[in-house]
Amino acid sequence: MNERRDEPVRKDLTDAAKNWLAIDGLWFQAVEQEYGMDAAIGLDRKVWEQFSVIEARRIRERLHLPYQGGLDALETALKNRLFELVNEQKIVRPDPATLILTMKSCRVQAARERKKMPLFPCKPVGLVDFPVFAHEIDPRITTECISCPPASLPGIPYCSWKFRMAGAENQG
């Protein structure tokens, strides 16, 4: 593809992703203010349990990724999520059976910091989103949280997630 021609499309998609994230954030903050953080997170988990399946399936179909395409398909899918358009992500493959995704910047957390709000304790939501998304790409993939607010590890700005092929730990 011609990168110059694709640049306006990417800008349009990025703008749409920012709008999507804005409505998600505004909805969350309204629930948080009205009912508290615990209720907002509980409802958010229910939403992401469904949305993550929809997003993964649509990405898989749009990009013609094979079902049970392993970590290669997951890596491609992760690079095509709406989050990728608005956050800086890093993906590393320390070995063939492992993929690690780290958010180097997070638009949600940056917005909360600007508003002098505490960081969003996103781990409970991530524990739904990432495994559900990965499972829709390939049910053999397991997901583990390495670091995520409210308990981020030093040196990891926001969150980091490890994906492995089930049974890989027995292969070597």
Protein backbone atom coordinates (compact mmCIF):
# COMPACT_ATOMS: atom_id res chain seq x y z
CA MET A 1 0.00 0.00 0.00
CA ASN A 2 1.06 3.56 -0.60
CA GLU A 3 1.80 5.13 2.80
CA ARG A 4 1.08 8.65 1.55
CA ARG A 5 -2.37 7.61 0.37
CA ASP A 6 -3.04 5.70 3.59
CA GLU A 7 -2.07 8.63 5.84
CA PRO A 8 -5.45 10.47 5.55
CA VAL A 9 -7.30 7.19 6.21
CA ARG A 10 -5.19 6.54 9.32
CA LYS A 11 -5.84 10.10 10.54
CA ASP A 12 -9.58 9.58 10.05
CA LEU A 13 -9.45 6.25 11.91
CA THR A 14 -7.41 7.80 14.71
CA ASP A 15 -9.93 10.63 15.04
CA ALA A 16 -12.79 8.10 15.15
CA ALA A 17 -10.90 6.07 17.78
CA LYS A 18 -10.45 9.21 19.89
CA ASN A 19 -14.19 9.86 19.64
CA TRP A 20 -14.95 6.24 20.60
CA LEU A 21 -12.63 6.47 23.60
CA ALA A 22 -14.10 9.85 24.61
CA ILE A 23 -17.67 8.52 24.74
CA ASP A 24 -16.46 5.43 26.61
CA GLY A 25 -14.60 7.62 29.12
CA LEU A 26 -17.45 10.07 29.57
CA TRP A 27 -19.90 7.22 30.11
CA PHE A 28 -17.56 5.65 32.66
CA GLN A 29 -17.00 8.93 34.53
CA ALA A 30 -20.75 9.60 34.69
CA VAL A 31 -21.36 6.17 36.22
CA GLU A 32 -18.36 6.63 38.53
CA GLN A 33 -19.67 10.01 39.77
CA GLU A 34 -23.23 8.76 40.22
CA TYR A 35 -22.64 5.27 41.63
CA GLY A 36 -18.95 5.04 42.57
CA MET A 37 -15.85 3.39 41.14
CA ASP A 38 -16.82 -0.19 42.05
CA ALA A 39 -20.16 0.02 40.24
CA ALA A 40 -18.55 1.70 37.22
CA ILE A 41 -15.88 -1.00 36.97
CA GLY A 42 -18.49 -3.74 37.36
CA LEU A 43 -20.54 -2.35 34.49
CA ASP A 44 -17.42 -1.68 32.42
CA ARG A 45 -16.37 -5.32 32.79
CA LYS A 46 -19.75 -6.43 31.42
CA VAL A 47 -19.38 -4.11 28.43
CA TRP A 48 -15.81 -5.23 27.64
CA GLU A 49 -16.77 -8.89 27.96
CA GLN A 50 -19.01 -8.36 24.94
CA PHE A 51 -17.11 -5.65 23.05
CA SER A 52 -13.81 -7.53 23.09
CA VAL A 53 -15.40 -10.49 21.31
CA ILE A 54 -16.99 -8.22 18.72
CA GLU A 55 -13.79 -6.26 18.08
CA ALA A 56 -11.61 -9.39 17.84
CA ARG A 57 -14.02 -11.15 15.51
CA ARG A 58 -14.33 -8.13 13.22
CA ILE A 59 -10.55 -7.69 13.07
CA ARG A 60 -10.06 -11.40 12.37
CA GLU A 61 -12.65 -11.32 9.59
CA ARG A 62 -11.49 -8.00 8.08
CA LEU A 63 -7.86 -9.09 7.96
CA HIS A 64 -8.68 -12.71 7.04
CA LEU A 65 -6.75 -13.99 10.04
CA PRO A 66 -7.07 -17.73 10.55
CA TYR A 67 -9.11 -18.90 13.52
CA GLN A 68 -6.62 -20.47 15.94
CA GLY A 69 -3.87 -18.55 14.19
CA GLY A 70 -1.78 -18.52 17.36
CA LEU A 71 0.31 -15.65 18.61
CA ASP A 72 1.06 -14.39 15.09
CA ALA A 73 -2.66 -13.79 14.51
CA LEU A 74 -2.98 -12.25 17.98
CA GLU A 75 -0.09 -9.87 17.33
CA THR A 76 -1.68 -8.72 14.09
CA ALA A 77 -5.06 -8.33 15.79
CA LEU A 78 -3.60 -6.35 18.71
CA LYS A 79 -1.94 -3.98 16.23
CA ASN A 80 -5.36 -3.36 14.68
CA ARG A 81 -7.40 -2.60 17.80
CA LEU A 82 -8.85 0.86 18.31
CA PHE A 83 -6.56 1.25 21.33
CA GLU A 84 -3.52 0.96 19.07
CA LEU A 85 -4.58 4.14 17.26
CA VAL A 86 -4.62 6.25 20.43
CA ASN A 87 -2.00 4.64 22.69
CA GLU A 88 1.65 3.83 22.20
CA GLN A 89 2.07 0.07 22.51
CA LYS A 90 5.11 -2.15 22.45
CA ILE A 91 4.91 -5.82 21.54
CA VAL A 92 7.83 -8.17 22.15
CA ARG A 93 8.18 -11.87 21.46
CA PRO A 94 10.77 -13.16 23.97
CA ASP A 95 10.27 -16.68 22.63
CA PRO A 96 8.03 -18.32 20.00
CA ALA A 97 5.36 -19.23 22.57
CA THR A 98 5.15 -15.82 24.30
CA LEU A 99 3.93 -12.36 23.34
CA ILE A 100 4.13 -9.40 25.72
CA LEU A 101 2.08 -6.24 25.13
CA THR A 102 3.00 -3.12 27.09
CA MET A 103 1.15 0.20 26.98
CA LYS A 104 3.85 2.84 26.90
CA SER A 105 1.28 5.64 26.82
CA CYS A 106 -2.40 5.50 27.70
CA ARG A 107 -4.86 8.15 26.62
CA VAL A 108 -7.33 7.16 29.37
CA GLN A 109 -4.75 7.58 32.12
CA ALA A 110 -3.39 10.80 30.60
CA ALA A 111 -6.91 12.29 30.55
CA ARG A 112 -7.47 11.36 34.19
CA GLU A 113 -4.09 12.85 35.14
CA ARG A 114 -4.98 16.10 33.30
CA LYS A 115 -8.26 16.27 35.24
CA LYS A 116 -6.37 15.67 38.52
CA MET A 117 -8.21 12.37 38.96
CA PRO A 118 -6.56 9.23 40.33
CA LEU A 119 -5.34 6.69 37.79
CA PHE A 120 -8.06 4.41 36.53
CA PRO A 121 -7.63 1.03 38.27
CA CYS A 122 -8.00 -0.78 34.97
CA LYS A 123 -6.74 -4.23 35.99
CA PRO A 124 -10.24 -5.65 36.71
CA VAL A 125 -11.38 -4.53 33.24
CA GLY A 126 -8.16 -5.74 31.60
CA LEU A 127 -8.66 -9.15 33.22
CA VAL A 128 -11.82 -9.39 31.11
CA ASP A 129 -10.79 -7.52 27.96
CA PHE A 130 -7.43 -9.10 27.14
CA PRO A 131 -8.30 -12.78 27.79
CA VAL A 132 -11.64 -12.47 25.97
CA PHE A 133 -10.00 -10.73 22.99
CA ALA A 134 -7.17 -13.31 22.82
CA HIS A 135 -9.61 -16.22 23.21
CA GLU A 136 -11.65 -14.99 20.24
CA ILE A 137 -8.48 -14.98 18.12
CA ASP A 138 -7.30 -18.36 19.40
CA PRO A 139 -8.85 -20.19 22.38
CA ARG A 140 -5.51 -21.87 23.11
CA ILE A 141 -3.95 -18.55 24.18
CA THR A 142 -3.66 -17.86 27.90
CA THR A 143 -3.39 -14.33 29.29
CA GLU A 144 -1.55 -13.09 32.36
CA CYS A 145 -1.36 -9.60 33.81
CA ILE A 146 2.24 -8.57 34.40
CA SER A 147 1.49 -5.05 35.64
CA CYS A 148 -1.59 -2.84 35.67
CA PRO A 149 -3.03 0.00 37.77
CA PRO A 150 -3.76 0.04 40.61
CA ALA A 151 -0.63 -2.11 41.08
CA SER A 152 1.83 -1.23 38.33
CA LEU A 153 5.40 -2.42 38.58
CA PRO A 154 8.27 0.10 38.55
CA GLY A 155 9.43 0.84 35.02
CA ILE A 156 6.09 -0.07 33.42
CA PRO A 157 4.22 3.17 32.78
CA TYR A 158 0.75 1.67 32.65
CA CYS A 159 0.00 -1.95 31.90
CA SER A 160 1.69 -5.00 30.51
CA TRP A 161 0.13 -8.34 29.54
CA LYS A 162 1.66 -11.71 28.69
CA PHE A 163 0.04 -14.06 26.19
CA ARG A 164 1.19 -17.66 25.81
CA MET A 165 0.08 -20.64 23.82
CA ALA A 166 -1.54 -23.11 26.23
CA GLY A 167 0.73 -26.06 26.80
CA ALA A 168 3.81 -24.13 25.65
CA GLU A 169 5.33 -24.36 29.14
CA ASN A 170 5.55 -28.14 28.62
CA GLN A 171 7.33 -27.84 25.29
CA GLY A 172 10.71 -26.77 26.29
